[in-house]
Amino acid sequence: MHDWAITLLEILIPVLASVLTALSAVALKKLQQKFNVELSVNENEMVKGLIRDGIASAEEWGARKANLEKGATIAGREKAKRVIGVVKAVYPKLQENEIAMLIDAEIARSEGLGSTNKRIDV
């Protein structure tokens, strides 16, 4: 496979994962409204999945931006804003501070992310 194709796939896969997660969350919400069923456990898992995908997408965006703008550093705040925007697009009733807490919790559970770069199991 050509180098440009591999690079393109490396860029598109995190973005597509985020889009698919968002679409499935929207579908789940529509089913919940249609059948008036409480899906809070599934919805919570969807939010967590959306946050995980959003973090991966923001990390990829930050790395790509740093590569394009040699020596540029991307603040965690910028990446968090991107994740919050993705989550708010699907779950507009969630408050930014709630999303920020979920982001922090997910980063703490992820190896190589956050200020410690260590996984914390809770």
PDB file of N, CA and C in Angstrom:
ATOM      1  N   MET A   1       0.845  -1.168   0.000  1.00  0.00           N
ATOM      2  CA  MET A   1       0.000   0.000   0.000  1.00  0.00           C
ATOM      3  C   MET A   1       0.898   1.240   0.000  1.00  0.00           C
ATOM      4  N   HIS A   2       0.470   2.280  -0.683  1.00  0.00           N
ATOM      5  CA  HIS A   2       1.246   3.501  -0.774  1.00  0.00           C
ATOM      6  C   HIS A   2       1.289   4.230   0.571  1.00  0.00           C
ATOM      7  N   ASP A   3       2.363   4.986   0.774  1.00  0.00           N
ATOM      8  CA  ASP A   3       2.506   5.743   2.016  1.00  0.00           C
ATOM      9  C   ASP A   3       1.363   6.731   2.219  1.00  0.00           C
ATOM     10  N   TRP A   4       0.923   7.367   1.120  1.00  0.00           N
ATOM     11  CA  TRP A   4      -0.157   8.345   1.251  1.00  0.00           C
ATOM     12  C   TRP A   4      -1.465   7.667   1.662  1.00  0.00           C
ATOM     13  N   ALA A   5      -1.680   6.447   1.213  1.00  0.00           N
ATOM     14  CA  ALA A   5      -2.896   5.718   1.578  1.00  0.00           C
ATOM     15  C   ALA A   5      -2.875   5.339   3.057  1.00  0.00           C
ATOM     16  N   ILE A   6      -1.724   4.927   3.528  1.00  0.00           N
ATOM     17  CA  ILE A   6      -1.591   4.581   4.954  1.00  0.00           C
ATOM     18  C   ILE A   6      -1.816   5.815   5.810  1.00  0.00           C
ATOM     19  N   THR A   7      -1.223   6.929   5.415  1.00  0.00           N
ATOM     20  CA  THR A   7      -1.403   8.177   6.148  1.00  0.00           C
ATOM     21  C   THR A   7      -2.864   8.596   6.163  1.00  0.00           C
ATOM     22  N   LEU A   8      -3.511   8.466   5.012  1.00  0.00           N
ATOM     23  CA  LEU A   8      -4.925   8.816   4.921  1.00  0.00           C
ATOM     24  C   LEU A   8      -5.765   7.946   5.856  1.00  0.00           C
ATOM     25  N   LEU A   9      -5.489   6.646   5.872  1.00  0.00           N
ATOM     26  CA  LEU A   9      -6.214   5.749   6.766  1.00  0.00           C
ATOM     27  C   LEU A   9      -5.969   6.095   8.229  1.00  0.00           C
ATOM     28  N   GLU A  10      -4.733   6.445   8.572  1.00  0.00           N
ATOM     29  CA  GLU A  10      -4.413   6.806   9.954  1.00  0.00           C
ATOM     30  C   GLU A  10      -5.181   8.049  10.392  1.00  0.00           C
ATOM     31  N   ILE A  11      -5.457   8.935   9.452  1.00  0.00           N
ATOM     32  CA  ILE A  11      -6.212  10.148   9.763  1.00  0.00           C
ATOM     33  C   ILE A  11      -7.705   9.848   9.833  1.00  0.00           C
ATOM     34  N   LEU A  12      -8.192   9.049   8.906  1.00  0.00           N
ATOM     35  CA  LEU A  12      -9.636   8.824   8.797  1.00  0.00           C
ATOM     36  C   LEU A  12     -10.210   7.879   9.840  1.00  0.00           C
ATOM     37  N   ILE A  13      -9.465   6.888  10.276  1.00  0.00           N
ATOM     38  CA  ILE A  13     -10.017   5.885  11.195  1.00  0.00           C
ATOM     39  C   ILE A  13     -10.522   6.503  12.504  1.00  0.00           C
ATOM     40  N   PRO A  14      -9.739   7.362  13.210  1.00  0.00           N
ATOM     41  CA  PRO A  14     -10.286   7.953  14.442  1.00  0.00           C
ATOM     42  C   PRO A  14     -11.507   8.839  14.184  1.00  0.00           C
ATOM     43  N   VAL A  15     -11.485   9.547  13.070  1.00  0.00           N
ATOM     44  CA  VAL A  15     -12.611  10.421  12.750  1.00  0.00           C
ATOM     45  C   VAL A  15     -13.861   9.586  12.474  1.00  0.00           C
ATOM     46  N   LEU A  16     -13.708   8.525  11.681  1.00  0.00           N
ATOM     47  CA  LEU A  16     -14.847   7.663  11.370  1.00  0.00           C
ATOM     48  C   LEU A  16     -15.389   6.977  12.626  1.00  0.00           C
ATOM     49  N   ALA A  17     -14.512   6.588  13.524  1.00  0.00           N
ATOM     50  CA  ALA A  17     -14.958   5.966  14.774  1.00  0.00           C
ATOM     51  C   ALA A  17     -15.817   6.935  15.573  1.00  0.00           C
ATOM     52  N   SER A  18     -15.403   8.199  15.633  1.00  0.00           N
ATOM     53  CA  SER A  18     -16.188   9.208  16.350  1.00  0.00           C
ATOM     54  C   SER A  18     -17.541   9.419  15.695  1.00  0.00           C
ATOM     55  N   VAL A  19     -17.544   9.499  14.384  1.00  0.00           N
ATOM     56  CA  VAL A  19     -18.798   9.713  13.658  1.00  0.00           C
ATOM     57  C   VAL A  19     -19.749   8.541  13.869  1.00  0.00           C
ATOM     58  N   LEU A  20     -19.240   7.314  13.767  1.00  0.00           N
ATOM     59  CA  LEU A  20     -20.092   6.140  13.965  1.00  0.00           C
ATOM     60  C   LEU A  20     -20.651   6.073  15.379  1.00  0.00           C
ATOM     61  N   THR A  21     -19.837   6.420  16.361  1.00  0.00           N
ATOM     62  CA  THR A  21     -20.316   6.424  17.743  1.00  0.00           C
ATOM     63  C   THR A  21     -21.410   7.466  17.916  1.00  0.00           C
ATOM     64  N   ALA A  22     -21.202   8.641  17.333  1.00  0.00           N
ATOM     65  CA  ALA A  22     -22.207   9.700  17.430  1.00  0.00           C
ATOM     66  C   ALA A  22     -23.510   9.279  16.757  1.00  0.00           C
ATOM     67  N   LEU A  23     -23.414   8.670  15.584  1.00  0.00           N
ATOM     68  CA  LEU A  23     -24.611   8.223  14.875  1.00  0.00           C
ATOM     69  C   LEU A  23     -25.358   7.150  15.662  1.00  0.00           C
ATOM     70  N   SER A  24     -24.638   6.230  16.265  1.00  0.00           N
ATOM     71  CA  SER A  24     -25.323   5.199  17.041  1.00  0.00           C
ATOM     72  C   SER A  24     -25.954   5.795  18.295  1.00  0.00           C
ATOM     73  N   ALA A  25     -25.338   6.809  18.870  1.00  0.00           N
ATOM     74  CA  ALA A  25     -25.937   7.464  20.034  1.00  0.00           C
ATOM     75  C   ALA A  25     -27.231   8.168  19.647  1.00  0.00           C
ATOM     76  N   VAL A  26     -27.231   8.823  18.490  1.00  0.00           N
ATOM     77  CA  VAL A  26     -28.442   9.490  18.014  1.00  0.00           C
ATOM     78  C   VAL A  26     -29.541   8.463  17.750  1.00  0.00           C
ATOM     79  N   ALA A  27     -29.187   7.347  17.115  1.00  0.00           N
ATOM     80  CA  ALA A  27     -30.163   6.294  16.840  1.00  0.00           C
ATOM     81  C   ALA A  27     -30.744   5.751  18.137  1.00  0.00           C
ATOM     82  N   LEU A  28     -29.900   5.566  19.131  1.00  0.00           N
ATOM     83  CA  LEU A  28     -30.349   5.067  20.426  1.00  0.00           C
ATOM     84  C   LEU A  28     -31.332   6.043  21.081  1.00  0.00           C
ATOM     85  N   LYS A  29     -31.039   7.329  20.995  1.00  0.00           N
ATOM     86  CA  LYS A  29     -31.937   8.342  21.561  1.00  0.00           C
ATOM     87  C   LYS A  29     -33.291   8.332  20.845  1.00  0.00           C
ATOM     88  N   LYS A  30     -33.276   8.174  19.528  1.00  0.00           N
ATOM     89  CA  LYS A  30     -34.527   8.150  18.761  1.00  0.00           C
ATOM     90  C   LYS A  30     -35.363   6.924  19.130  1.00  0.00           C
ATOM     91  N   LEU A  31     -34.718   5.782  19.300  1.00  0.00           N
ATOM     92  CA  LEU A  31     -35.438   4.578  19.737  1.00  0.00           C
ATOM     93  C   LEU A  31     -36.041   4.784  21.116  1.00  0.00           C
ATOM     94  N   GLN A  32     -35.274   5.412  21.993  1.00  0.00           N
ATOM     95  CA  GLN A  32     -35.762   5.657  23.346  1.00  0.00           C
ATOM     96  C   GLN A  32     -37.004   6.542  23.301  1.00  0.00           C
ATOM     97  N   GLN A  33     -36.981   7.583  22.476  1.00  0.00           N
ATOM     98  CA  GLN A  33     -38.140   8.472  22.367  1.00  0.00           C
ATOM     99  C   GLN A  33     -39.329   7.747  21.743  1.00  0.00           C
ATOM    100  N   LYS A  34     -39.073   6.959  20.713  1.00  0.00           N
ATOM    101  CA  LYS A  34     -40.151   6.273  20.005  1.00  0.00           C
ATOM    102  C   LYS A  34     -40.873   5.268  20.903  1.00  0.00           C
ATOM    103  N   PHE A  35     -40.112   4.490  21.641  1.00  0.00           N
ATOM    104  CA  PHE A  35     -40.707   3.438  22.466  1.00  0.00           C
ATOM    105  C   PHE A  35     -40.838   3.836  23.932  1.00  0.00           C
ATOM    106  N   ASN A  36     -40.446   5.064  24.259  1.00  0.00           N
ATOM    107  CA  ASN A  36     -40.533   5.580  25.620  1.00  0.00           C
ATOM    108  C   ASN A  36     -39.909   4.601  26.618  1.00  0.00           C
ATOM    109  N   VAL A  37     -38.692   4.179  26.323  1.00  0.00           N
ATOM    110  CA  VAL A  37     -37.980   3.207  27.142  1.00  0.00           C
ATOM    111  C   VAL A  37     -36.791   3.904  27.807  1.00  0.00           C
ATOM    112  N   GLU A  38     -36.564   3.547  29.035  1.00  0.00           N
ATOM    113  CA  GLU A  38     -35.416   4.106  29.758  1.00  0.00           C
ATOM    114  C   GLU A  38     -34.168   3.303  29.407  1.00  0.00           C
ATOM    115  N   LEU A  39     -33.208   3.961  28.824  1.00  0.00           N
ATOM    116  CA  LEU A  39     -31.967   3.300  28.433  1.00  0.00           C
ATOM    117  C   LEU A  39     -30.767   3.972  29.091  1.00  0.00           C
ATOM    118  N   SER A  40     -30.921   4.381  30.326  1.00  0.00           N
ATOM    119  CA  SER A  40     -29.877   5.179  30.953  1.00  0.00           C
ATOM    120  C   SER A  40     -28.538   4.446  31.036  1.00  0.00           C
ATOM    121  N   VAL A  41     -28.537   3.149  31.300  1.00  0.00           N
ATOM    122  CA  VAL A  41     -27.277   2.408  31.379  1.00  0.00           C
ATOM    123  C   VAL A  41     -26.603   2.399  30.007  1.00  0.00           C
ATOM    124  N   ASN A  42     -27.382   2.061  28.969  1.00  0.00           N
ATOM    125  CA  ASN A  42     -26.829   2.062  27.616  1.00  0.00           C
ATOM    126  C   ASN A  42     -26.404   3.460  27.200  1.00  0.00           C
ATOM    127  N   GLU A  43     -27.189   4.449  27.571  1.00  0.00           N
ATOM    128  CA  GLU A  43     -26.865   5.821  27.216  1.00  0.00           C
ATOM    129  C   GLU A  43     -25.566   6.266  27.885  1.00  0.00           C
ATOM    130  N   ASN A  44     -25.399   5.883  29.135  1.00  0.00           N
ATOM    131  CA  ASN A  44     -24.150   6.215  29.829  1.00  0.00           C
ATOM    132  C   ASN A  44     -22.957   5.580  29.126  1.00  0.00           C
ATOM    133  N   GLU A  45     -23.120   4.341  28.690  1.00  0.00           N
ATOM    134  CA  GLU A  45     -22.040   3.675  27.960  1.00  0.00           C
ATOM    135  C   GLU A  45     -21.772   4.365  26.631  1.00  0.00           C
ATOM    136  N   MET A  46     -22.837   4.827  25.979  1.00  0.00           N
ATOM    137  CA  MET A  46     -22.667   5.544  24.715  1.00  0.00           C
ATOM    138  C   MET A  46     -21.916   6.853  24.931  1.00  0.00           C
ATOM    139  N   VAL A  47     -22.242   7.565  26.010  1.00  0.00           N
ATOM    140  CA  VAL A  47     -21.542   8.814  26.315  1.00  0.00           C
ATOM    141  C   VAL A  47     -20.067   8.520  26.562  1.00  0.00           C
ATOM    142  N   LYS A  48     -19.785   7.478  27.337  1.00  0.00           N
ATOM    143  CA  LYS A  48     -18.390   7.117  27.610  1.00  0.00           C
ATOM    144  C   LYS A  48     -17.661   6.745  26.318  1.00  0.00           C
ATOM    145  N   GLY A  49     -18.322   5.987  25.454  1.00  0.00           N
ATOM    146  CA  GLY A  49     -17.718   5.627  24.170  1.00  0.00           C
ATOM    147  C   GLY A  49     -17.470   6.848  23.307  1.00  0.00           C
ATOM    148  N   LEU A  50     -18.426   7.759  23.311  1.00  0.00           N
ATOM    149  CA  LEU A  50     -18.285   8.995  22.553  1.00  0.00           C
ATOM    150  C   LEU A  50     -17.110   9.816  23.080  1.00  0.00           C
ATOM    151  N   ILE A  51     -16.955   9.849  24.396  1.00  0.00           N
ATOM    152  CA  ILE A  51     -15.837  10.580  24.996  1.00  0.00           C
ATOM    153  C   ILE A  51     -14.515   9.910  24.631  1.00  0.00           C
ATOM    154  N   ARG A  52     -14.457   8.577  24.707  1.00  0.00           N
ATOM    155  CA  ARG A  52     -13.223   7.865  24.325  1.00  0.00           C
ATOM    156  C   ARG A  52     -12.852   8.160  22.877  1.00  0.00           C
ATOM    157  N   ASP A  53     -13.851   8.092  21.988  1.00  0.00           N
ATOM    158  CA  ASP A  53     -13.590   8.375  20.578  1.00  0.00           C
ATOM    159  C   ASP A  53     -13.212   9.839  20.370  1.00  0.00           C
ATOM    160  N   GLY A  54     -13.865  10.710  21.120  1.00  0.00           N
ATOM    161  CA  GLY A  54     -13.535  12.139  21.026  1.00  0.00           C
ATOM    162  C   GLY A  54     -12.115  12.425  21.470  1.00  0.00           C
ATOM    163  N   ILE A  55     -11.679  11.749  22.535  1.00  0.00           N
ATOM    164  CA  ILE A  55     -10.304  11.918  23.017  1.00  0.00           C
ATOM    165  C   ILE A  55      -9.324  11.421  21.963  1.00  0.00           C
ATOM    166  N   ALA A  56      -9.596  10.250  21.392  1.00  0.00           N
ATOM    167  CA  ALA A  56      -8.712   9.710  20.353  1.00  0.00           C
ATOM    168  C   ALA A  56      -8.648  10.656  19.161  1.00  0.00           C
ATOM    169  N   SER A  57      -9.791  11.186  18.781  1.00  0.00           N
ATOM    170  CA  SER A  57      -9.849  12.122  17.656  1.00  0.00           C
ATOM    171  C   SER A  57      -9.081  13.402  17.976  1.00  0.00           C
ATOM    172  N   ALA A  58      -9.243  13.914  19.187  1.00  0.00           N
ATOM    173  CA  ALA A  58      -8.536  15.134  19.581  1.00  0.00           C
ATOM    174  C   ALA A  58      -7.022  14.906  19.648  1.00  0.00           C
ATOM    175  N   GLU A  59      -6.623  13.739  20.122  1.00  0.00           N
ATOM    176  CA  GLU A  59      -5.190  13.411  20.163  1.00  0.00           C
ATOM    177  C   GLU A  59      -4.616  13.353  18.753  1.00  0.00           C
ATOM    178  N   GLU A  60      -5.358  12.722  17.851  1.00  0.00           N
ATOM    179  CA  GLU A  60      -4.916  12.629  16.460  1.00  0.00           C
ATOM    180  C   GLU A  60      -4.837  14.014  15.831  1.00  0.00           C
ATOM    181  N   TRP A  61      -5.857  14.834  16.071  1.00  0.00           N
ATOM    182  CA  TRP A  61      -5.877  16.213  15.567  1.00  0.00           C
ATOM    183  C   TRP A  61      -4.675  16.992  16.089  1.00  0.00           C
ATOM    184  N   GLY A  62      -4.405  16.865  17.392  1.00  0.00           N
ATOM    185  CA  GLY A  62      -3.279  17.575  17.994  1.00  0.00           C
ATOM    186  C   GLY A  62      -1.944  17.137  17.413  1.00  0.00           C
ATOM    187  N   ALA A  63      -1.778  15.836  17.236  1.00  0.00           N
ATOM    188  CA  ALA A  63      -0.528  15.317  16.667  1.00  0.00           C
ATOM    189  C   ALA A  63      -0.357  15.789  15.230  1.00  0.00           C
ATOM    190  N   ARG A  64      -1.445  15.752  14.478  1.00  0.00           N
ATOM    191  CA  ARG A  64      -1.382  16.187  13.077  1.00  0.00           C
ATOM    192  C   ARG A  64      -1.051  17.674  12.998  1.00  0.00           C
ATOM    193  N   LYS A  65      -1.682  18.475  13.855  1.00  0.00           N
ATOM    194  CA  LYS A  65      -1.435  19.916  13.865  1.00  0.00           C
ATOM    195  C   LYS A  65       0.012  20.212  14.267  1.00  0.00           C
ATOM    196  N   ALA A  66       0.518  19.463  15.246  1.00  0.00           N
ATOM    197  CA  ALA A  66       1.907  19.659  15.677  1.00  0.00           C
ATOM    198  C   ALA A  66       2.883  19.276  14.567  1.00  0.00           C
ATOM    199  N   ASN A  67       2.555  18.247  13.791  1.00  0.00           N
ATOM    200  CA  ASN A  67       3.420  17.851  12.672  1.00  0.00           C
ATOM    201  C   ASN A  67       3.392  18.882  11.553  1.00  0.00           C
ATOM    202  N   LEU A  68       2.227  19.439  11.289  1.00  0.00           N
ATOM    203  CA  LEU A  68       2.103  20.429  10.221  1.00  0.00           C
ATOM    204  C   LEU A  68       2.752  21.760  10.593  1.00  0.00           C
ATOM    205  N   GLU A  69       2.595  22.137  11.837  1.00  0.00           N
ATOM    206  CA  GLU A  69       3.177  23.391  12.327  1.00  0.00           C
ATOM    207  C   GLU A  69       4.365  23.017  13.213  1.00  0.00           C
ATOM    208  N   LYS A  70       5.453  22.703  12.592  1.00  0.00           N
ATOM    209  CA  LYS A  70       6.644  22.190  13.285  1.00  0.00           C
ATOM    210  C   LYS A  70       6.881  22.910  14.613  1.00  0.00           C
ATOM    211  N   GLY A  71       6.956  22.116  15.660  1.00  0.00           N
ATOM    212  CA  GLY A  71       7.251  22.646  16.987  1.00  0.00           C
ATOM    213  C   GLY A  71       6.041  23.185  17.727  1.00  0.00           C
ATOM    214  N   ALA A  72       4.878  23.169  17.119  1.00  0.00           N
ATOM    215  CA  ALA A  72       3.672  23.673  17.782  1.00  0.00           C
ATOM    216  C   ALA A  72       3.269  22.720  18.903  1.00  0.00           C
ATOM    217  N   THR A  73       2.812  23.270  19.989  1.00  0.00           N
ATOM    218  CA  THR A  73       2.278  22.446  21.077  1.00  0.00           C
ATOM    219  C   THR A  73       0.790  22.736  21.197  1.00  0.00           C
ATOM    220  N   ILE A  74       0.039  21.694  21.416  1.00  0.00           N
ATOM    221  CA  ILE A  74      -1.409  21.810  21.512  1.00  0.00           C
ATOM    222  C   ILE A  74      -1.798  21.638  22.973  1.00  0.00           C
ATOM    223  N   ALA A  75      -2.424  22.654  23.527  1.00  0.00           N
ATOM    224  CA  ALA A  75      -2.816  22.608  24.938  1.00  0.00           C
ATOM    225  C   ALA A  75      -3.946  21.605  25.140  1.00  0.00           C
ATOM    226  N   GLY A  76      -3.937  20.980  26.307  1.00  0.00           N
ATOM    227  CA  GLY A  76      -5.001  20.051  26.661  1.00  0.00           C
ATOM    228  C   GLY A  76      -6.358  20.723  26.622  1.00  0.00           C
ATOM    229  N   ARG A  77      -6.400  22.002  26.939  1.00  0.00           N
ATOM    230  CA  ARG A  77      -7.645  22.765  26.923  1.00  0.00           C
ATOM    231  C   ARG A  77      -8.256  22.784  25.515  1.00  0.00           C
ATOM    232  N   GLU A  78      -7.403  22.931  24.499  1.00  0.00           N
ATOM    233  CA  GLU A  78      -7.878  22.935  23.111  1.00  0.00           C
ATOM    234  C   GLU A  78      -8.477  21.577  22.740  1.00  0.00           C
ATOM    235  N   LYS A  79      -7.788  20.519  23.154  1.00  0.00           N
ATOM    236  CA  LYS A  79      -8.278  19.176  22.854  1.00  0.00           C
ATOM    237  C   LYS A  79      -9.592  18.915  23.591  1.00  0.00           C
ATOM    238  N   ALA A  80      -9.671  19.364  24.842  1.00  0.00           N
ATOM    239  CA  ALA A  80     -10.897  19.173  25.627  1.00  0.00           C
ATOM    240  C   ALA A  80     -12.070  19.898  24.982  1.00  0.00           C
ATOM    241  N   LYS A  81     -11.832  21.090  24.448  1.00  0.00           N
ATOM    242  CA  LYS A  81     -12.904  21.830  23.773  1.00  0.00           C
ATOM    243  C   LYS A  81     -13.441  21.042  22.583  1.00  0.00           C
ATOM    244  N   ARG A  82     -12.550  20.374  21.862  1.00  0.00           N
ATOM    245  CA  ARG A  82     -12.988  19.561  20.723  1.00  0.00           C
ATOM    246  C   ARG A  82     -13.863  18.399  21.194  1.00  0.00           C
ATOM    247  N   VAL A  83     -13.449  17.727  22.271  1.00  0.00           N
ATOM    248  CA  VAL A  83     -14.223  16.591  22.795  1.00  0.00           C
ATOM    249  C   VAL A  83     -15.574  17.081  23.313  1.00  0.00           C
ATOM    250  N   ILE A  84     -15.582  18.183  24.034  1.00  0.00           N
ATOM    251  CA  ILE A  84     -16.833  18.741  24.566  1.00  0.00           C
ATOM    252  C   ILE A  84     -17.784  19.088  23.422  1.00  0.00           C
ATOM    253  N   GLY A  85     -17.254  19.648  22.348  1.00  0.00           N
ATOM    254  CA  GLY A  85     -18.087  19.983  21.188  1.00  0.00           C
ATOM    255  C   GLY A  85     -18.736  18.759  20.571  1.00  0.00           C
ATOM    256  N   VAL A  86     -17.976  17.658  20.465  1.00  0.00           N
ATOM    257  CA  VAL A  86     -18.504  16.414  19.905  1.00  0.00           C
ATOM    258  C   VAL A  86     -19.627  15.875  20.795  1.00  0.00           C
ATOM    259  N   VAL A  87     -19.390  15.852  22.093  1.00  0.00           N
ATOM    260  CA  VAL A  87     -20.390  15.298  23.021  1.00  0.00           C
ATOM    261  C   VAL A  87     -21.634  16.184  23.066  1.00  0.00           C
ATOM    262  N   LYS A  88     -21.453  17.506  23.100  1.00  0.00           N
ATOM    263  CA  LYS A  88     -22.589  18.431  23.161  1.00  0.00           C
ATOM    264  C   LYS A  88     -23.439  18.349  21.898  1.00  0.00           C
ATOM    265  N   ALA A  89     -22.826  18.007  20.766  1.00  0.00           N
ATOM    266  CA  ALA A  89     -23.585  17.877  19.520  1.00  0.00           C
ATOM    267  C   ALA A  89     -24.603  16.741  19.620  1.00  0.00           C
ATOM    268  N   VAL A  90     -24.267  15.701  20.360  1.00  0.00           N
ATOM    269  CA  VAL A  90     -25.152  14.551  20.503  1.00  0.00           C
ATOM    270  C   VAL A  90     -26.012  14.670  21.762  1.00  0.00           C
ATOM    271  N   TYR A  91     -25.425  15.181  22.840  1.00  0.00           N
ATOM    272  CA  TYR A  91     -26.118  15.308  24.126  1.00  0.00           C
ATOM    273  C   TYR A  91     -26.087  16.770  24.577  1.00  0.00           C
ATOM    274  N   PRO A  92     -26.909  17.628  23.969  1.00  0.00           N
ATOM    275  CA  PRO A  92     -26.848  19.061  24.268  1.00  0.00           C
ATOM    276  C   PRO A  92     -27.224  19.421  25.708  1.00  0.00           C
ATOM    277  N   LYS A  93     -27.927  18.531  26.402  1.00  0.00           N
ATOM    278  CA  LYS A  93     -28.339  18.845  27.774  1.00  0.00           C
ATOM    279  C   LYS A  93     -27.215  18.633  28.786  1.00  0.00           C
ATOM    280  N   LEU A  94     -26.168  17.906  28.401  1.00  0.00           N
ATOM    281  CA  LEU A  94     -25.048  17.716  29.321  1.00  0.00           C
ATOM    282  C   LEU A  94     -24.303  19.039  29.502  1.00  0.00           C
ATOM    283  N   GLN A  95     -23.948  19.320  30.724  1.00  0.00           N
ATOM    284  CA  GLN A  95     -23.201  20.548  31.023  1.00  0.00           C
ATOM    285  C   GLN A  95     -21.722  20.346  30.730  1.00  0.00           C
ATOM    286  N   GLU A  96     -21.047  21.422  30.342  1.00  0.00           N
ATOM    287  CA  GLU A  96     -19.631  21.315  30.008  1.00  0.00           C
ATOM    288  C   GLU A  96     -18.799  20.800  31.170  1.00  0.00           C
ATOM    289  N   ASN A  97     -19.129  21.211  32.397  1.00  0.00           N
ATOM    290  CA  ASN A  97     -18.344  20.743  33.547  1.00  0.00           C
ATOM    291  C   ASN A  97     -18.544  19.246  33.787  1.00  0.00           C
ATOM    292  N   GLU A  98     -19.752  18.717  33.482  1.00  0.00           N
ATOM    293  CA  GLU A  98     -19.992  17.276  33.593  1.00  0.00           C
ATOM    294  C   GLU A  98     -19.159  16.520  32.555  1.00  0.00           C
ATOM    295  N   ILE A  99     -19.141  17.042  31.344  1.00  0.00           N
ATOM    296  CA  ILE A  99     -18.360  16.409  30.278  1.00  0.00           C
ATOM    297  C   ILE A  99     -16.876  16.464  30.623  1.00  0.00           C
ATOM    298  N   ALA A 100     -16.426  17.594  31.152  1.00  0.00           N
ATOM    299  CA  ALA A 100     -15.010  17.737  31.521  1.00  0.00           C
ATOM    300  C   ALA A 100     -14.613  16.709  32.580  1.00  0.00           C
ATOM    301  N   MET A 101     -15.505  16.456  33.550  1.00  0.00           N
ATOM    302  CA  MET A 101     -15.211  15.444  34.574  1.00  0.00           C
ATOM    303  C   MET A 101     -15.123  14.057  33.962  1.00  0.00           C
ATOM    304  N   LEU A 102     -16.019  13.755  33.012  1.00  0.00           N
ATOM    305  CA  LEU A 102     -15.979  12.458  32.342  1.00  0.00           C
ATOM    306  C   LEU A 102     -14.709  12.316  31.500  1.00  0.00           C
ATOM    307  N   ILE A 103     -14.286  13.408  30.870  1.00  0.00           N
ATOM    308  CA  ILE A 103     -13.044  13.396  30.089  1.00  0.00           C
ATOM    309  C   ILE A 103     -11.868  13.092  31.012  1.00  0.00           C
ATOM    310  N   ASP A 104     -11.808  13.793  32.142  1.00  0.00           N
ATOM    311  CA  ASP A 104     -10.718  13.566  33.100  1.00  0.00           C
ATOM    312  C   ASP A 104     -10.694  12.120  33.580  1.00  0.00           C
ATOM    313  N   ALA A 105     -11.872  11.577  33.880  1.00  0.00           N
ATOM    314  CA  ALA A 105     -11.943  10.187  34.346  1.00  0.00           C
ATOM    315  C   ALA A 105     -11.464   9.225  33.263  1.00  0.00           C
ATOM    316  N   GLU A 106     -11.853   9.467  32.036  1.00  0.00           N
ATOM    317  CA  GLU A 106     -11.444   8.587  30.939  1.00  0.00           C
ATOM    318  C   GLU A 106      -9.948   8.701  30.675  1.00  0.00           C
ATOM    319  N   ILE A 107      -9.410   9.904  30.746  1.00  0.00           N
ATOM    320  CA  ILE A 107      -7.967  10.089  30.548  1.00  0.00           C
ATOM    321  C   ILE A 107      -7.195   9.371  31.649  1.00  0.00           C
ATOM    322  N   ALA A 108      -7.716   9.428  32.871  1.00  0.00           N
ATOM    323  CA  ALA A 108      -7.044   8.743  33.985  1.00  0.00           C
ATOM    324  C   ALA A 108      -6.999   7.232  33.775  1.00  0.00           C
ATOM    325  N   ARG A 109      -7.995   6.691  33.043  1.00  0.00           N
ATOM    326  CA  ARG A 109      -8.037   5.253  32.783  1.00  0.00           C
ATOM    327  C   ARG A 109      -7.239   4.851  31.548  1.00  0.00           C
ATOM    328  N   SER A 110      -6.664   5.808  30.859  1.00  0.00           N
ATOM    329  CA  SER A 110      -5.977   5.537  29.593  1.00  0.00           C
ATOM    330  C   SER A 110      -4.468   5.607  29.758  1.00  0.00           C
ATOM    331  N   GLU A 111      -3.805   4.590  29.278  1.00  0.00           N
ATOM    332  CA  GLU A 111      -2.338   4.545  29.306  1.00  0.00           C
ATOM    333  C   GLU A 111      -1.768   5.589  28.351  1.00  0.00           C
ATOM    334  N   GLY A 112      -0.787   6.342  28.798  1.00  0.00           N
ATOM    335  CA  GLY A 112      -0.087   7.275  27.929  1.00  0.00           C
ATOM    336  C   GLY A 112      -0.754   8.626  27.766  1.00  0.00           C
ATOM    337  N   LEU A 113      -1.852   8.863  28.462  1.00  0.00           N
ATOM    338  CA  LEU A 113      -2.526  10.152  28.371  1.00  0.00           C
ATOM    339  C   LEU A 113      -2.492  10.850  29.725  1.00  0.00           C
ATOM    340  N   GLY A 114      -2.729  12.127  29.702  1.00  0.00           N
ATOM    341  CA  GLY A 114      -2.800  12.892  30.943  1.00  0.00           C
ATOM    342  C   GLY A 114      -1.424  13.240  31.469  1.00  0.00           C
ATOM    343  N   SER A 115      -1.417  13.883  32.619  1.00  0.00           N
ATOM    344  CA  SER A 115      -0.163  14.378  33.162  1.00  0.00           C
ATOM    345  C   SER A 115       0.731  13.266  33.723  1.00  0.00           C
ATOM    346  N   THR A 116       0.137  12.138  34.124  1.00  0.00           N
ATOM    347  CA  THR A 116       0.950  11.062  34.691  1.00  0.00           C
ATOM    348  C   THR A 116       1.419  10.078  33.640  1.00  0.00           C
ATOM    349  N   ASN A 117       0.721  10.016  32.495  1.00  0.00           N
ATOM    350  CA  ASN A 117       1.002   9.022  31.453  1.00  0.00           C
ATOM    351  C   ASN A 117       0.870   7.600  31.957  1.00  0.00           C
ATOM    352  N   LYS A 118       0.152   7.399  33.069  1.00  0.00           N
ATOM    353  CA  LYS A 118      -0.030   6.064  33.633  1.00  0.00           C
ATOM    354  C   LYS A 118      -1.518   5.780  33.766  1.00  0.00           C
ATOM    355  N   ARG A 119      -1.869   4.527  33.614  1.00  0.00           N
ATOM    356  CA  ARG A 119      -3.253   4.098  33.738  1.00  0.00           C
ATOM    357  C   ARG A 119      -3.609   4.014  35.207  1.00  0.00           C
ATOM    358  N   ILE A 120      -4.803   4.533  35.545  1.00  0.00           N
ATOM    359  CA  ILE A 120      -5.308   4.464  36.904  1.00  0.00           C
ATOM    360  C   ILE A 120      -6.610   3.679  36.859  1.00  0.00           C
ATOM    361  N   ASP A 121      -6.647   2.527  37.494  1.00  0.00           N
ATOM    362  CA  ASP A 121      -7.865   1.716  37.504  1.00  0.00           C
ATOM    363  C   ASP A 121      -8.737   2.140  38.678  1.00  0.00           C
ATOM    364  N   VAL A 122      -9.998   2.400  38.368  1.00  0.00           N
ATOM    365  CA  VAL A 122     -10.937   2.797  39.412  1.00  0.00           C
ATOM    366  C   VAL A 122     -12.079   1.837  39.481  1.00  0.00           C
TER     367      VAL A 122
END
